[in-house]
Amino acid sequence: MTPAAFPKRILPGVRSSTGDAACRGGFTLIEVLVVIAVIGVLAGILLPVLAKARAKAYGTLCLNNHKQLGLALEMYAGDHNDGLPYNLGADATRATVASGQYLNWVNNVMNWELEADNTNAFLLSAGGLGSYSQRVGGIYKCPSDTALSEVQKEAGWNRRVRSVSMNAMLGYAGSFLAGAVNTNNPSYRQYFKLSQVRYPSEIFTFVDEHPDSINDGYFLNRLANLEWVDLPASYHNGAATLSFADGHTEQHRWLFPLTKRPPRPDAAHLPMAIPVEEPADFDWLSARTARSLSWLASERRAQE
């Protein structure tokens, strides 16, 4: 007999090669929903991990930027008889730039409007530390700082150019000085030379500043008052990056929500009084800003 004479048998559990069952090769609705659910679960697990990894990478890059700024400051002092650069406020910075001079360590004054100072990288490196940082504008910017105003977003901007300011008690502060005294903090030492910083591992040089606080490169707080004049940033899980006069860098995590204002326009509300029961963040930074003249005098007496 020919093979066609035998009836075709379908084994149990095996679909026929003919009929509707054979044509139905796709997934069922239940199978699709199961796959979508699995993908959702995996995304829920992986996305926070990836976000943490990215935040950690940004934190490492920010630390490296501060390290480069610290090296630039050190080289500047080496070429200027140990002197520190100009560290001017907003008005003096604008005046020197308008006269064609680029004296300050950075020469831009930022805001939430559309002025060129917000995006002009040339003003970062035109004078001051520019030649000592190889005119690399990226080291002045924390990669986690993407804060913009609505008008800046509408103009197509993706970020401003600077996140970093210098300790106001370092360098030549122009009109803020009365002789060797900083009139903002007359009871504290103004450091004009790097060697004057007696405990360099305890005095900060640069700090990430809150985007609503940052304008000039002059990070000022009046150390005798319990209030923020300029506010440090908190980009890295509530921490700011700082560099110190001995060359080391670190990230310090703030304790109180008042210090960790959200990074957006009009969020800082400065000057901002600090509750008497929450002085720890301000005290920590103040102790690393400058030594009081009375403290230095008592130390000299103890050494005599």
Protein backbone atom coordinates (compact mmCIF):
# COMPACT_ATOMS: atom_id res chain seq x y z
CA MET A 1 0.00 0.00 0.00
CA THR A 2 1.09 3.54 -0.60
CA PRO A 3 1.73 5.84 2.39
CA ALA A 4 -1.37 7.80 1.47
CA ALA A 5 -3.45 4.72 2.18
CA PHE A 6 -2.63 4.89 5.88
CA PRO A 7 -4.60 7.39 7.98
CA LYS A 8 -2.50 10.20 9.46
CA ARG A 9 -2.27 9.81 13.23
CA ILE A 10 -1.88 12.80 15.55
CA LEU A 11 0.22 12.04 18.59
CA PRO A 12 -1.09 13.33 21.92
CA GLY A 13 0.28 16.79 22.77
CA VAL A 14 1.41 17.50 19.18
CA ARG A 15 -0.48 20.02 17.12
CA SER A 16 -1.60 19.17 13.65
CA SER A 17 0.25 20.86 10.81
CA THR A 18 -3.11 21.74 9.32
CA GLY A 19 -6.08 23.70 10.59
CA ASP A 20 -6.44 26.72 12.84
CA ALA A 21 -4.10 25.41 15.53
CA ALA A 22 -1.19 25.31 13.06
CA CYS A 23 -1.84 28.87 11.93
CA ARG A 24 -1.82 30.22 15.45
CA GLY A 25 1.93 30.82 16.02
CA GLY A 26 1.81 34.09 18.15
CA PHE A 27 1.65 34.72 21.88
CA THR A 28 -1.57 34.65 23.80
CA LEU A 29 -2.72 37.79 25.61
CA ILE A 30 -1.87 36.22 28.95
CA GLU A 31 1.68 35.43 27.78
CA VAL A 32 2.18 39.04 26.61
CA LEU A 33 0.91 40.39 29.92
CA VAL A 34 3.24 38.07 31.84
CA VAL A 35 6.24 39.27 29.78
CA ILE A 36 5.27 42.92 30.33
CA ALA A 37 4.93 42.29 34.07
CA VAL A 38 8.37 40.66 34.22
CA ILE A 39 9.93 43.57 32.32
CA GLY A 40 8.25 46.00 34.72
CA VAL A 41 9.63 44.14 37.74
CA LEU A 42 13.14 44.07 36.25
CA ALA A 43 12.96 47.77 35.40
CA GLY A 44 11.83 48.54 38.95
CA ILE A 45 14.86 46.67 40.27
CA LEU A 46 17.45 47.92 37.77
CA LEU A 47 16.56 51.61 37.32
CA PRO A 48 17.31 52.63 40.94
CA VAL A 49 20.59 50.69 40.74
CA LEU A 50 21.51 52.45 37.50
CA ALA A 51 20.52 55.82 38.97
CA LYS A 52 22.73 55.20 42.01
CA ALA A 53 25.61 54.15 39.78
CA ARG A 54 25.24 57.30 37.69
CA ALA A 55 25.06 59.48 40.80
CA LYS A 56 28.20 57.83 42.15
CA ALA A 57 30.01 58.40 38.84
CA TYR A 58 28.96 62.07 38.85
CA GLY A 59 30.20 62.39 42.43
CA THR A 60 33.57 60.95 41.47
CA LEU A 61 33.83 63.32 38.50
CA CYS A 62 32.95 66.27 40.73
CA LEU A 63 35.69 65.29 43.18
CA ASN A 64 38.15 65.11 40.29
CA ASN A 65 37.09 68.59 39.10
CA HIS A 66 37.79 69.99 42.55
CA LYS A 67 41.14 68.23 42.59
CA GLN A 68 42.06 69.96 39.33
CA LEU A 69 40.98 73.34 40.71
CA GLY A 70 43.07 72.74 43.82
CA LEU A 71 46.12 71.95 41.69
CA ALA A 72 45.52 75.09 39.62
CA LEU A 73 45.40 77.17 42.81
CA GLU A 74 48.64 75.60 44.00
CA MET A 75 50.40 76.34 40.71
CA TYR A 76 49.08 79.91 40.72
CA ALA A 77 50.53 80.45 44.20
CA GLY A 78 53.83 78.93 43.07
CA ASP A 79 54.08 81.51 40.28
CA HIS A 80 52.97 84.48 42.42
CA ASN A 81 55.25 84.40 45.43
CA ASP A 82 52.78 82.17 47.28
CA GLY A 83 49.98 84.69 46.71
CA LEU A 84 46.36 83.70 46.16
CA PRO A 85 44.30 85.08 43.23
CA TYR A 86 41.78 87.89 43.18
CA ASN A 87 38.51 86.78 44.72
CA LEU A 88 36.09 89.63 44.02
CA GLY A 89 32.38 90.14 44.51
CA ALA A 90 29.85 90.68 41.74
CA ASP A 91 30.22 94.46 41.29
CA ALA A 92 34.02 94.41 41.22
CA THR A 93 34.06 91.45 38.85
CA ARG A 94 31.73 93.22 36.40
CA ALA A 95 33.76 96.43 36.64
CA THR A 96 37.08 94.77 35.84
CA VAL A 97 35.61 92.84 32.90
CA ALA A 98 33.99 96.02 31.56
CA SER A 99 37.41 97.69 31.62
CA GLY A 100 38.88 94.83 29.59
CA GLN A 101 40.67 93.21 32.53
CA TYR A 102 40.15 89.65 33.66
CA LEU A 103 41.61 89.83 37.15
CA ASN A 104 39.37 87.51 39.11
CA TRP A 105 39.89 83.78 39.56
CA VAL A 106 36.69 83.50 37.45
CA ASN A 107 35.11 86.44 35.67
CA ASN A 108 31.42 85.63 35.23
CA VAL A 109 28.44 86.68 37.36
CA MET A 110 25.49 84.33 36.85
CA ASN A 111 21.73 84.70 37.27
CA TRP A 112 18.45 83.15 36.06
CA GLU A 113 18.15 85.45 33.04
CA LEU A 114 19.69 85.18 29.54
CA GLU A 115 22.94 87.10 30.15
CA ALA A 116 26.01 85.70 28.40
CA ASP A 117 27.83 85.24 31.73
CA ASN A 118 25.68 82.15 32.31
CA THR A 119 27.05 80.32 29.27
CA ASN A 120 30.29 82.06 28.30
CA ALA A 121 33.06 79.59 29.17
CA PHE A 122 35.69 82.13 28.10
CA LEU A 123 34.97 84.15 31.24
CA LEU A 124 35.92 81.14 33.37
CA SER A 125 39.39 80.84 31.94
CA ALA A 126 40.23 84.33 30.67
CA GLY A 127 42.28 85.22 33.75
CA GLY A 128 42.96 84.09 37.27
CA LEU A 129 43.27 80.32 37.30
CA GLY A 130 42.52 79.87 33.59
CA SER A 131 46.04 79.21 32.37
CA TYR A 132 46.67 76.90 35.33
CA SER A 133 43.63 74.76 34.57
CA GLN A 134 44.62 74.41 30.88
CA ARG A 135 41.52 76.50 30.13
CA VAL A 136 39.29 73.46 30.59
CA GLY A 137 35.90 74.93 31.45
CA GLY A 138 34.38 71.62 32.52
CA ILE A 139 36.21 71.54 35.86
CA TYR A 140 34.15 74.52 37.08
CA LYS A 141 30.89 72.59 36.68
CA CYS A 142 29.39 69.79 38.76
CA PRO A 143 27.90 67.24 36.32
CA SER A 144 24.87 66.87 38.60
CA ASP A 145 24.05 70.57 38.30
CA THR A 146 21.49 70.97 35.51
CA ALA A 147 19.44 73.73 37.15
CA LEU A 148 17.90 76.27 34.77
CA SER A 149 15.13 78.84 34.96
CA GLU A 150 12.07 78.52 32.75
CA VAL A 151 13.23 81.36 30.52
CA GLN A 152 16.59 79.62 30.06
CA LYS A 153 14.91 76.33 29.21
CA GLU A 154 12.67 78.05 26.68
CA ALA A 155 15.78 79.55 25.07
CA GLY A 156 17.10 76.02 24.51
CA TRP A 157 19.84 76.07 27.13
CA ASN A 158 20.93 72.77 28.66
CA ARG A 159 23.02 74.12 31.56
CA ARG A 160 24.96 77.05 32.96
CA VAL A 161 28.75 76.97 33.03
CA ARG A 162 29.73 77.09 36.71
CA SER A 163 28.81 75.36 39.98
CA VAL A 164 31.89 76.26 42.04
CA SER A 165 32.83 79.27 44.17
CA MET A 166 35.92 80.16 46.19
CA ASN A 167 36.07 80.65 49.95
CA ALA A 168 35.56 84.41 50.52
CA MET A 169 38.32 84.45 53.14
CA LEU A 170 40.97 83.49 50.57
CA GLY A 171 42.66 85.90 48.16
CA TYR A 172 42.38 89.61 47.45
CA ALA A 173 38.75 90.63 48.02
CA GLY A 174 38.89 94.18 46.64
CA SER A 175 36.42 96.62 48.18
CA PHE A 176 35.55 94.15 50.93
CA LEU A 177 38.97 94.75 52.47
CA ALA A 178 40.00 97.39 55.00
CA GLY A 179 43.73 96.85 54.99
CA ALA A 180 44.24 93.19 55.76
CA VAL A 181 40.76 92.77 57.27
CA ASN A 182 37.72 91.45 55.44
CA THR A 183 34.90 93.78 56.50
CA ASN A 184 32.40 90.93 56.12
CA ASN A 185 34.24 88.97 58.81
CA PRO A 186 36.45 91.46 60.67
CA SER A 187 37.19 89.06 63.52
CA TYR A 188 38.59 86.37 61.20
CA ARG A 189 41.81 85.94 59.27
CA GLN A 190 41.87 86.79 55.58
CA TYR A 191 44.40 84.53 53.82
CA PHE A 192 46.40 86.32 51.13
CA LYS A 193 49.08 83.65 50.79
CA LEU A 194 48.71 79.89 50.72
CA SER A 195 51.35 79.53 53.45
CA GLN A 196 49.23 81.68 55.81
CA VAL A 197 46.74 78.84 56.11
CA ARG A 198 48.16 77.27 59.24
CA TYR A 199 46.02 74.14 59.08
CA PRO A 200 45.51 73.62 55.34
CA SER A 201 43.63 70.35 55.72
CA GLU A 202 40.95 72.22 57.70
CA ILE A 203 40.33 75.29 55.49
CA PHE A 204 38.34 74.84 52.30
CA THR A 205 39.28 76.58 49.06
CA PHE A 206 36.39 75.74 46.70
CA VAL A 207 32.83 74.57 47.29
CA ASP A 208 29.87 73.58 45.14
CA GLU A 209 27.36 76.40 45.65
CA HIS A 210 23.58 76.15 45.48
CA PRO A 211 22.40 77.20 41.97
CA ASP A 212 20.03 79.82 43.40
CA SER A 213 22.84 81.27 45.53
CA ILE A 214 25.69 81.26 43.04
CA ASN A 215 26.30 84.49 41.17
CA ASP A 216 29.90 85.65 41.53
CA GLY A 217 32.72 83.30 42.51
CA TYR A 218 32.90 84.69 46.05
CA PHE A 219 31.34 82.28 48.58
CA LEU A 220 30.51 84.40 51.61
CA ASN A 221 28.96 83.79 54.99
CA ARG A 222 29.27 86.16 57.93
CA LEU A 223 30.72 83.82 60.47
CA ALA A 224 29.50 85.72 63.53
CA ASN A 225 25.87 85.44 62.41
CA LEU A 226 23.73 82.32 62.42
CA GLU A 227 22.43 82.72 58.87
CA TRP A 228 23.26 81.58 55.37
CA VAL A 229 24.29 84.38 53.01
CA ASP A 230 25.55 81.97 50.37
CA LEU A 231 24.30 78.38 50.51
CA PRO A 232 26.36 75.30 49.67
CA ALA A 233 24.96 72.84 47.15
CA SER A 234 23.69 69.36 47.99
CA TYR A 235 23.84 67.60 44.61
CA HIS A 236 25.30 64.30 45.80
CA ASN A 237 22.61 62.67 47.91
CA GLY A 238 22.51 65.69 50.17
CA ALA A 239 26.26 66.33 50.06
CA ALA A 240 28.48 69.07 48.67
CA THR A 241 31.95 68.69 47.22
CA LEU A 242 34.76 70.78 48.69
CA SER A 243 38.49 71.10 48.10
CA PHE A 244 40.94 72.13 50.80
CA ALA A 245 44.15 74.14 51.03
CA ASP A 246 46.27 71.00 51.44
CA GLY A 247 44.97 69.67 48.09
CA HIS A 248 42.55 67.03 49.33
CA THR A 249 38.88 66.91 48.31
CA GLU A 250 35.87 65.49 50.07
CA GLN A 251 32.09 65.33 49.98
CA HIS A 252 30.25 66.41 53.10
CA ARG A 253 26.64 65.38 53.69
CA TRP A 254 24.43 68.04 55.27
CA LEU A 255 22.18 67.13 58.19
CA PHE A 256 19.20 69.46 57.95
CA PRO A 257 16.55 70.02 55.24
CA LEU A 258 17.06 73.78 55.57
CA THR A 259 20.58 73.35 54.18
CA LYS A 260 19.41 71.00 51.41
CA ARG A 261 17.19 73.37 49.48
CA PRO A 262 16.05 71.97 46.10
CA PRO A 263 18.29 72.98 43.16
CA ARG A 264 15.98 75.38 41.36
CA PRO A 265 15.36 79.12 40.97
CA ASP A 266 14.08 81.03 44.01
CA ALA A 267 14.57 78.05 46.31
CA ALA A 268 17.32 79.35 48.61
CA HIS A 269 15.46 82.33 50.17
CA LEU A 270 18.66 84.10 51.20
CA PRO A 271 19.79 85.45 53.55
CA MET A 272 18.29 82.64 55.59
CA ALA A 273 18.27 82.53 59.38
CA ILE A 274 19.25 79.20 60.89
CA PRO A 275 17.22 77.80 63.81
CA VAL A 276 19.28 77.85 67.01
CA GLU A 277 18.64 74.14 67.43
CA GLU A 278 20.07 73.34 63.97
CA PRO A 279 23.48 75.06 63.80
CA ALA A 280 25.56 71.99 62.97
CA ASP A 281 25.78 72.44 59.17
CA PHE A 282 26.64 76.14 59.43
CA ASP A 283 29.12 75.53 62.25
CA TRP A 284 30.84 72.75 60.29
CA LEU A 285 31.43 75.01 57.28
CA SER A 286 32.31 78.06 59.38
CA ALA A 287 35.03 76.12 61.18
CA ARG A 288 36.53 75.30 57.78
CA THR A 289 36.25 78.84 56.38
CA ALA A 290 38.77 80.76 58.51
CA ARG A 291 40.33 80.92 61.95
CA SER A 292 39.23 83.73 64.26
CA LEU A 293 41.87 86.31 65.16
CA SER A 294 41.31 85.61 68.86
CA TRP A 295 41.89 81.91 68.30
CA LEU A 296 45.12 82.62 66.41
CA ALA A 297 46.28 85.00 69.15
CA SER A 298 45.65 82.42 71.86
CA GLU A 299 47.54 79.81 69.83
CA ARG A 300 50.54 82.14 69.51
CA ARG A 301 50.53 82.76 73.26
CA ALA A 302 50.42 79.04 73.91
CA GLN A 303 53.46 78.52 71.70
CA GLU A 304 55.53 81.25 73.38
